Amino acid sequence: FFVGFFVLILTLFRVILGKGIRFGTETENTTGLFVILVIVAIMLIILLIMGIRNLRKRRKRIFEMITEHLPSK
């Protein structure tokens, strides 16, 4: 999973940054800033999704550990 995720992120960066981020005129600065903000937003969304996923896994493991050690009736 991690390798596939890593390849996907590298591919997205290559596609987005393939033409380069141009700075100079006001239009180019706005476009460059937009591209940078999109990249940062994508990274934050991915981190959020991975954090939520890990939290769910952790809660599930804790629940399983607790129910496993409860006395049976």
PDB file of N, CA and C in Angstrom:
ATOM      1  N   PHE A   1       0.828  -1.199   0.000  1.00  0.00           N
ATOM      2  CA  PHE A   1       0.000   0.000   0.000  1.00  0.00           C
ATOM      3  C   PHE A   1       0.867   1.255   0.000  1.00  0.00           C
ATOM      4  N   PHE A   2       1.894   1.255   0.866  1.00  0.00           N
ATOM      5  CA  PHE A   2       2.727   2.447   0.975  1.00  0.00           C
ATOM      6  C   PHE A   2       3.474   2.727  -0.322  1.00  0.00           C
ATOM      7  N   VAL A   3       3.979   1.697  -0.966  1.00  0.00           N
ATOM      8  CA  VAL A   3       4.727   1.883  -2.218  1.00  0.00           C
ATOM      9  C   VAL A   3       3.808   2.437  -3.295  1.00  0.00           C
ATOM     10  N   GLY A   4       2.598   1.893  -3.393  1.00  0.00           N
ATOM     11  CA  GLY A   4       1.636   2.397  -4.374  1.00  0.00           C
ATOM     12  C   GLY A   4       1.265   3.846  -4.101  1.00  0.00           C
ATOM     13  N   PHE A   5       1.067   4.170  -2.831  1.00  0.00           N
ATOM     14  CA  PHE A   5       0.752   5.539  -2.437  1.00  0.00           C
ATOM     15  C   PHE A   5       1.905   6.479  -2.790  1.00  0.00           C
ATOM     16  N   PHE A   6       3.130   6.043  -2.530  1.00  0.00           N
ATOM     17  CA  PHE A   6       4.314   6.846  -2.823  1.00  0.00           C
ATOM     18  C   PHE A   6       4.450   7.102  -4.326  1.00  0.00           C
ATOM     19  N   VAL A   7       4.226   6.075  -5.128  1.00  0.00           N
ATOM     20  CA  VAL A   7       4.300   6.222  -6.589  1.00  0.00           C
ATOM     21  C   VAL A   7       3.218   7.177  -7.079  1.00  0.00           C
ATOM     22  N   LEU A   8       2.029   7.081  -6.513  1.00  0.00           N
ATOM     23  CA  LEU A   8       0.937   7.980  -6.902  1.00  0.00           C
ATOM     24  C   LEU A   8       1.285   9.435  -6.592  1.00  0.00           C
ATOM     25  N   ILE A   9       1.825   9.696  -5.417  1.00  0.00           N
ATOM     26  CA  ILE A   9       2.194  11.062  -5.038  1.00  0.00           C
ATOM     27  C   ILE A   9       3.301  11.584  -5.954  1.00  0.00           C
ATOM     28  N   LEU A  10       4.299  10.764  -6.232  1.00  0.00           N
ATOM     29  CA  LEU A  10       5.370  11.198  -7.134  1.00  0.00           C
ATOM     30  C   LEU A  10       4.837  11.501  -8.527  1.00  0.00           C
ATOM     31  N   THR A  11       3.904  10.689  -8.996  1.00  0.00           N
ATOM     32  CA  THR A  11       3.302  10.926 -10.307  1.00  0.00           C
ATOM     33  C   THR A  11       2.527  12.237 -10.310  1.00  0.00           C
ATOM     34  N   LEU A  12       1.757  12.488  -9.259  1.00  0.00           N
ATOM     35  CA  LEU A  12       1.009  13.745  -9.181  1.00  0.00           C
ATOM     36  C   LEU A  12       1.950  14.949  -9.169  1.00  0.00           C
ATOM     37  N   PHE A  13       3.037  14.866  -8.400  1.00  0.00           N
ATOM     38  CA  PHE A  13       3.988  15.967  -8.378  1.00  0.00           C
ATOM     39  C   PHE A  13       4.611  16.178  -9.754  1.00  0.00           C
ATOM     40  N   ARG A  14       4.923  15.093 -10.440  1.00  0.00           N
ATOM     41  CA  ARG A  14       5.536  15.197 -11.764  1.00  0.00           C
ATOM     42  C   ARG A  14       4.582  15.860 -12.749  1.00  0.00           C
ATOM     43  N   VAL A  15       3.315  15.480 -12.695  1.00  0.00           N
ATOM     44  CA  VAL A  15       2.323  16.059 -13.606  1.00  0.00           C
ATOM     45  C   VAL A  15       2.103  17.533 -13.283  1.00  0.00           C
ATOM     46  N   ILE A  16       1.953  17.848 -12.006  1.00  0.00           N
ATOM     47  CA  ILE A  16       1.667  19.231 -11.613  1.00  0.00           C
ATOM     48  C   ILE A  16       2.874  20.122 -11.854  1.00  0.00           C
ATOM     49  N   LEU A  17       4.053  19.635 -11.523  1.00  0.00           N
ATOM     50  CA  LEU A  17       5.255  20.466 -11.657  1.00  0.00           C
ATOM     51  C   LEU A  17       5.988  20.245 -12.972  1.00  0.00           C
ATOM     52  N   GLY A  18       5.392  19.480 -13.890  1.00  0.00           N
ATOM     53  CA  GLY A  18       6.046  19.166 -15.155  1.00  0.00           C
ATOM     54  C   GLY A  18       6.398  20.410 -15.965  1.00  0.00           C
ATOM     55  N   LYS A  19       5.508  21.389 -15.961  1.00  0.00           N
ATOM     56  CA  LYS A  19       5.762  22.622 -16.712  1.00  0.00           C
ATOM     57  C   LYS A  19       6.552  23.633 -15.892  1.00  0.00           C
ATOM     58  N   GLY A  20       6.652  23.382 -14.610  1.00  0.00           N
ATOM     59  CA  GLY A  20       7.363  24.322 -13.747  1.00  0.00           C
ATOM     60  C   GLY A  20       6.438  25.379 -13.193  1.00  0.00           C
ATOM     61  N   ILE A  21       6.855  25.987 -12.140  1.00  0.00           N
ATOM     62  CA  ILE A  21       6.097  27.079 -11.537  1.00  0.00           C
ATOM     63  C   ILE A  21       6.781  28.370 -11.953  1.00  0.00           C
ATOM     64  N   ARG A  22       6.083  29.152 -12.705  1.00  0.00           N
ATOM     65  CA  ARG A  22       6.673  30.381 -13.236  1.00  0.00           C
ATOM     66  C   ARG A  22       6.350  31.567 -12.325  1.00  0.00           C
ATOM     67  N   PHE A  23       7.344  32.379 -12.110  1.00  0.00           N
ATOM     68  CA  PHE A  23       7.165  33.607 -11.349  1.00  0.00           C
ATOM     69  C   PHE A  23       7.627  34.766 -12.222  1.00  0.00           C
ATOM     70  N   GLY A  24       6.965  35.836 -12.120  1.00  0.00           N
ATOM     71  CA  GLY A  24       7.341  36.990 -12.940  1.00  0.00           C
ATOM     72  C   GLY A  24       6.178  37.957 -13.015  1.00  0.00           C
ATOM     73  N   THR A  25       5.300  37.768 -13.992  1.00  0.00           N
ATOM     74  CA  THR A  25       4.155  38.660 -14.127  1.00  0.00           C
ATOM     75  C   THR A  25       3.129  38.321 -13.051  1.00  0.00           C
ATOM     76  N   GLU A  26       2.168  39.203 -12.888  1.00  0.00           N
ATOM     77  CA  GLU A  26       1.158  38.994 -11.850  1.00  0.00           C
ATOM     78  C   GLU A  26       0.339  37.736 -12.123  1.00  0.00           C
ATOM     79  N   THR A  27       0.020  37.485 -13.378  1.00  0.00           N
ATOM     80  CA  THR A  27      -0.734  36.286 -13.731  1.00  0.00           C
ATOM     81  C   THR A  27       0.071  35.031 -13.415  1.00  0.00           C
ATOM     82  N   GLU A  28       1.353  35.052 -13.750  1.00  0.00           N
ATOM     83  CA  GLU A  28       2.195  33.894 -13.472  1.00  0.00           C
ATOM     84  C   GLU A  28       2.363  33.690 -11.976  1.00  0.00           C
ATOM     85  N   ASN A  29       2.481  34.778 -11.218  1.00  0.00           N
ATOM     86  CA  ASN A  29       2.586  34.648  -9.763  1.00  0.00           C
ATOM     87  C   ASN A  29       1.322  34.039  -9.169  1.00  0.00           C
ATOM     88  N   THR A  30       0.169  34.472  -9.660  1.00  0.00           N
ATOM     89  CA  THR A  30      -1.097  33.932  -9.174  1.00  0.00           C
ATOM     90  C   THR A  30      -1.199  32.454  -9.512  1.00  0.00           C
ATOM     91  N   THR A  31      -0.823  32.099 -10.727  1.00  0.00           N
ATOM     92  CA  THR A  31      -0.861  30.689 -11.143  1.00  0.00           C
ATOM     93  C   THR A  31       0.105  29.862 -10.313  1.00  0.00           C
ATOM     94  N   GLY A  32       1.318  30.370 -10.113  1.00  0.00           N
ATOM     95  CA  GLY A  32       2.308  29.648  -9.317  1.00  0.00           C
ATOM     96  C   GLY A  32       1.860  29.464  -7.886  1.00  0.00           C
ATOM     97  N   LEU A  33       1.278  30.493  -7.308  1.00  0.00           N
ATOM     98  CA  LEU A  33       0.779  30.402  -5.945  1.00  0.00           C
ATOM     99  C   LEU A  33      -0.359  29.394  -5.856  1.00  0.00           C
ATOM    100  N   PHE A  34      -1.224  29.391  -6.861  1.00  0.00           N
ATOM    101  CA  PHE A  34      -2.333  28.438  -6.885  1.00  0.00           C
ATOM    102  C   PHE A  34      -1.808  27.003  -6.945  1.00  0.00           C
ATOM    103  N   VAL A  35      -0.809  26.764  -7.764  1.00  0.00           N
ATOM    104  CA  VAL A  35      -0.237  25.415  -7.880  1.00  0.00           C
ATOM    105  C   VAL A  35       0.368  24.990  -6.548  1.00  0.00           C
ATOM    106  N   ILE A  36       1.094  25.879  -5.905  1.00  0.00           N
ATOM    107  CA  ILE A  36       1.697  25.555  -4.615  1.00  0.00           C
ATOM    108  C   ILE A  36       0.615  25.262  -3.577  1.00  0.00           C
ATOM    109  N   LEU A  37      -0.432  26.061  -3.553  1.00  0.00           N
ATOM    110  CA  LEU A  37      -1.516  25.835  -2.601  1.00  0.00           C
ATOM    111  C   LEU A  37      -2.245  24.517  -2.868  1.00  0.00           C
ATOM    112  N   VAL A  38      -2.397  24.156  -4.140  1.00  0.00           N
ATOM    113  CA  VAL A  38      -3.028  22.881  -4.480  1.00  0.00           C
ATOM    114  C   VAL A  38      -2.167  21.727  -3.983  1.00  0.00           C
ATOM    115  N   ILE A  39      -0.868  21.818  -4.169  1.00  0.00           N
ATOM    116  CA  ILE A  39       0.036  20.760  -3.712  1.00  0.00           C
ATOM    117  C   ILE A  39      -0.038  20.623  -2.193  1.00  0.00           C
ATOM    118  N   VAL A  40      -0.002  21.732  -1.493  1.00  0.00           N
ATOM    119  CA  VAL A  40      -0.077  21.696  -0.032  1.00  0.00           C
ATOM    120  C   VAL A  40      -1.425  21.128   0.418  1.00  0.00           C
ATOM    121  N   ALA A  41      -2.500  21.520  -0.251  1.00  0.00           N
ATOM    122  CA  ALA A  41      -3.828  21.011   0.104  1.00  0.00           C
ATOM    123  C   ALA A  41      -3.906  19.505  -0.107  1.00  0.00           C
ATOM    124  N   ILE A  42      -3.360  19.023  -1.218  1.00  0.00           N
ATOM    125  CA  ILE A  42      -3.363  17.578  -1.481  1.00  0.00           C
ATOM    126  C   ILE A  42      -2.602  16.846  -0.393  1.00  0.00           C
ATOM    127  N   MET A  43      -1.459  17.365  -0.006  1.00  0.00           N
ATOM    128  CA  MET A  43      -0.657  16.726   1.037  1.00  0.00           C
ATOM    129  C   MET A  43      -1.401  16.704   2.368  1.00  0.00           C
ATOM    130  N   LEU A  44      -2.055  17.806   2.722  1.00  0.00           N
ATOM    131  CA  LEU A  44      -2.804  17.856   3.976  1.00  0.00           C
ATOM    132  C   LEU A  44      -3.987  16.903   3.976  1.00  0.00           C
ATOM    133  N   ILE A  45      -4.680  16.813   2.847  1.00  0.00           N
ATOM    134  CA  ILE A  45      -5.818  15.902   2.750  1.00  0.00           C
ATOM    135  C   ILE A  45      -5.354  14.459   2.903  1.00  0.00           C
ATOM    136  N   ILE A  46      -4.247  14.121   2.251  1.00  0.00           N
ATOM    137  CA  ILE A  46      -3.722  12.759   2.349  1.00  0.00           C
ATOM    138  C   ILE A  46      -3.305  12.456   3.776  1.00  0.00           C
ATOM    139  N   LEU A  47      -2.639  13.398   4.440  1.00  0.00           N
ATOM    140  CA  LEU A  47      -2.248  13.182   5.831  1.00  0.00           C
ATOM    141  C   LEU A  47      -3.464  13.012   6.730  1.00  0.00           C
ATOM    142  N   LEU A  48      -4.498  13.788   6.493  1.00  0.00           N
ATOM    143  CA  LEU A  48      -5.726  13.679   7.277  1.00  0.00           C
ATOM    144  C   LEU A  48      -6.379  12.312   7.084  1.00  0.00           C
ATOM    145  N   ILE A  49      -6.463  11.863   5.842  1.00  0.00           N
ATOM    146  CA  ILE A  49      -7.066  10.560   5.554  1.00  0.00           C
ATOM    147  C   ILE A  49      -6.268   9.448   6.217  1.00  0.00           C
ATOM    148  N   MET A  50      -4.958   9.510   6.119  1.00  0.00           N
ATOM    149  CA  MET A  50      -4.119   8.479   6.734  1.00  0.00           C
ATOM    150  C   MET A  50      -4.224   8.518   8.257  1.00  0.00           C
ATOM    151  N   GLY A  51      -4.319   9.696   8.844  1.00  0.00           N
ATOM    152  CA  GLY A  51      -4.477   9.820  10.285  1.00  0.00           C
ATOM    153  C   GLY A  51      -5.789   9.233  10.763  1.00  0.00           C
ATOM    154  N   ILE A  52      -6.866   9.512  10.053  1.00  0.00           N
ATOM    155  CA  ILE A  52      -8.175   8.961  10.409  1.00  0.00           C
ATOM    156  C   ILE A  52      -8.149   7.437  10.289  1.00  0.00           C
ATOM    157  N   ARG A  53      -7.539   6.955   9.242  1.00  0.00           N
ATOM    158  CA  ARG A  53      -7.458   5.509   9.034  1.00  0.00           C
ATOM    159  C   ARG A  53      -6.666   4.838  10.164  1.00  0.00           C
ATOM    160  N   ASN A  54      -5.539   5.428  10.534  1.00  0.00           N
ATOM    161  CA  ASN A  54      -4.739   4.862  11.618  1.00  0.00           C
ATOM    162  C   ASN A  54      -5.481   4.925  12.951  1.00  0.00           C
ATOM    163  N   LEU A  55      -6.217   5.996  13.188  1.00  0.00           N
ATOM    164  CA  LEU A  55      -6.984   6.121  14.417  1.00  0.00           C
ATOM    165  C   LEU A  55      -8.051   5.041  14.508  1.00  0.00           C
ATOM    166  N   ARG A  56      -8.728   4.765  13.391  1.00  0.00           N
ATOM    167  CA  ARG A  56      -9.740   3.711  13.381  1.00  0.00           C
ATOM    168  C   ARG A  56      -9.113   2.355  13.665  1.00  0.00           C
ATOM    169  N   LYS A  57      -7.958   2.086  13.065  1.00  0.00           N
ATOM    170  CA  LYS A  57      -7.283   0.814  13.304  1.00  0.00           C
ATOM    171  C   LYS A  57      -6.879   0.689  14.771  1.00  0.00           C
ATOM    172  N   ARG A  58      -6.372   1.756  15.344  1.00  0.00           N
ATOM    173  CA  ARG A  58      -5.952   1.738  16.742  1.00  0.00           C
ATOM    174  C   ARG A  58      -7.143   1.480  17.662  1.00  0.00           C
ATOM    175  N   ARG A  59      -8.258   2.156  17.403  1.00  0.00           N
ATOM    176  CA  ARG A  59      -9.462   1.948  18.222  1.00  0.00           C
ATOM    177  C   ARG A  59      -9.965   0.517  18.110  1.00  0.00           C
ATOM    178  N   LYS A  60      -9.909  -0.036  16.899  1.00  0.00           N
ATOM    179  CA  LYS A  60     -10.359  -1.410  16.702  1.00  0.00           C
ATOM    180  C   LYS A  60      -9.462  -2.383  17.474  1.00  0.00           C
ATOM    181  N   ARG A  61      -8.152  -2.174  17.433  1.00  0.00           N
ATOM    182  CA  ARG A  61      -7.227  -3.041  18.169  1.00  0.00           C
ATOM    183  C   ARG A  61      -7.471  -2.955  19.669  1.00  0.00           C
ATOM    184  N   ILE A  62      -7.671  -1.750  20.176  1.00  0.00           N
ATOM    185  CA  ILE A  62      -7.924  -1.572  21.613  1.00  0.00           C
ATOM    186  C   ILE A  62      -9.224  -2.256  22.009  1.00  0.00           C
ATOM    187  N   PHE A  63     -10.255  -2.092  21.201  1.00  0.00           N
ATOM    188  CA  PHE A  63     -11.538  -2.735  21.488  1.00  0.00           C
ATOM    189  C   PHE A  63     -11.383  -4.249  21.513  1.00  0.00           C
ATOM    190  N   GLU A  64     -10.660  -4.794  20.540  1.00  0.00           N
ATOM    191  CA  GLU A  64     -10.439  -6.240  20.495  1.00  0.00           C
ATOM    192  C   GLU A  64      -9.651  -6.717  21.708  1.00  0.00           C
ATOM    193  N   MET A  65      -8.650  -5.955  22.129  1.00  0.00           N
ATOM    194  CA  MET A  65      -7.862  -6.338  23.302  1.00  0.00           C
ATOM    195  C   MET A  65      -8.722  -6.322  24.561  1.00  0.00           C
ATOM    196  N   ILE A  66      -9.584  -5.317  24.694  1.00  0.00           N
ATOM    197  CA  ILE A  66     -10.435  -5.207  25.879  1.00  0.00           C
ATOM    198  C   ILE A  66     -11.445  -6.347  25.904  1.00  0.00           C
ATOM    199  N   THR A  67     -12.108  -6.600  24.786  1.00  0.00           N
ATOM    200  CA  THR A  67     -13.123  -7.656  24.766  1.00  0.00           C
ATOM    201  C   THR A  67     -12.501  -9.037  24.920  1.00  0.00           C
ATOM    202  N   GLU A  68     -11.258  -9.204  24.496  1.00  0.00           N
ATOM    203  CA  GLU A  68     -10.579 -10.489  24.628  1.00  0.00           C
ATOM    204  C   GLU A  68     -10.284 -10.820  26.078  1.00  0.00           C
ATOM    205  N   HIS A  69     -10.040  -9.805  26.879  1.00  0.00           N
ATOM    206  CA  HIS A  69      -9.663 -10.026  28.275  1.00  0.00           C
ATOM    207  C   HIS A  69     -10.815  -9.851  29.279  1.00  0.00           C
ATOM    208  N   LEU A  70     -12.029  -9.683  28.773  1.00  0.00           N
ATOM    209  CA  LEU A  70     -13.175  -9.597  29.671  1.00  0.00           C
ATOM    210  C   LEU A  70     -13.501 -10.985  30.198  1.00  0.00           C
ATOM    211  N   PRO A  71     -13.954 -11.060  31.442  1.00  0.00           N
ATOM    212  CA  PRO A  71     -14.332 -12.385  31.960  1.00  0.00           C
ATOM    213  C   PRO A  71     -15.598 -12.879  31.264  1.00  0.00           C
ATOM    214  N   SER A  72     -15.625 -14.143  30.974  1.00  0.00           N
ATOM    215  CA  SER A  72     -16.798 -14.697  30.316  1.00  0.00           C
ATOM    216  C   SER A  72     -17.868 -15.044  31.339  1.00  0.00           C
ATOM    217  N   LYS A  73     -19.120 -14.945  30.950  1.00  0.00           N
ATOM    218  CA  LYS A  73     -20.235 -15.201  31.873  1.00  0.00           C
ATOM    219  C   LYS A  73     -20.660 -16.637  31.829  1.00  0.00           C
TER     220      LYS A  73
END
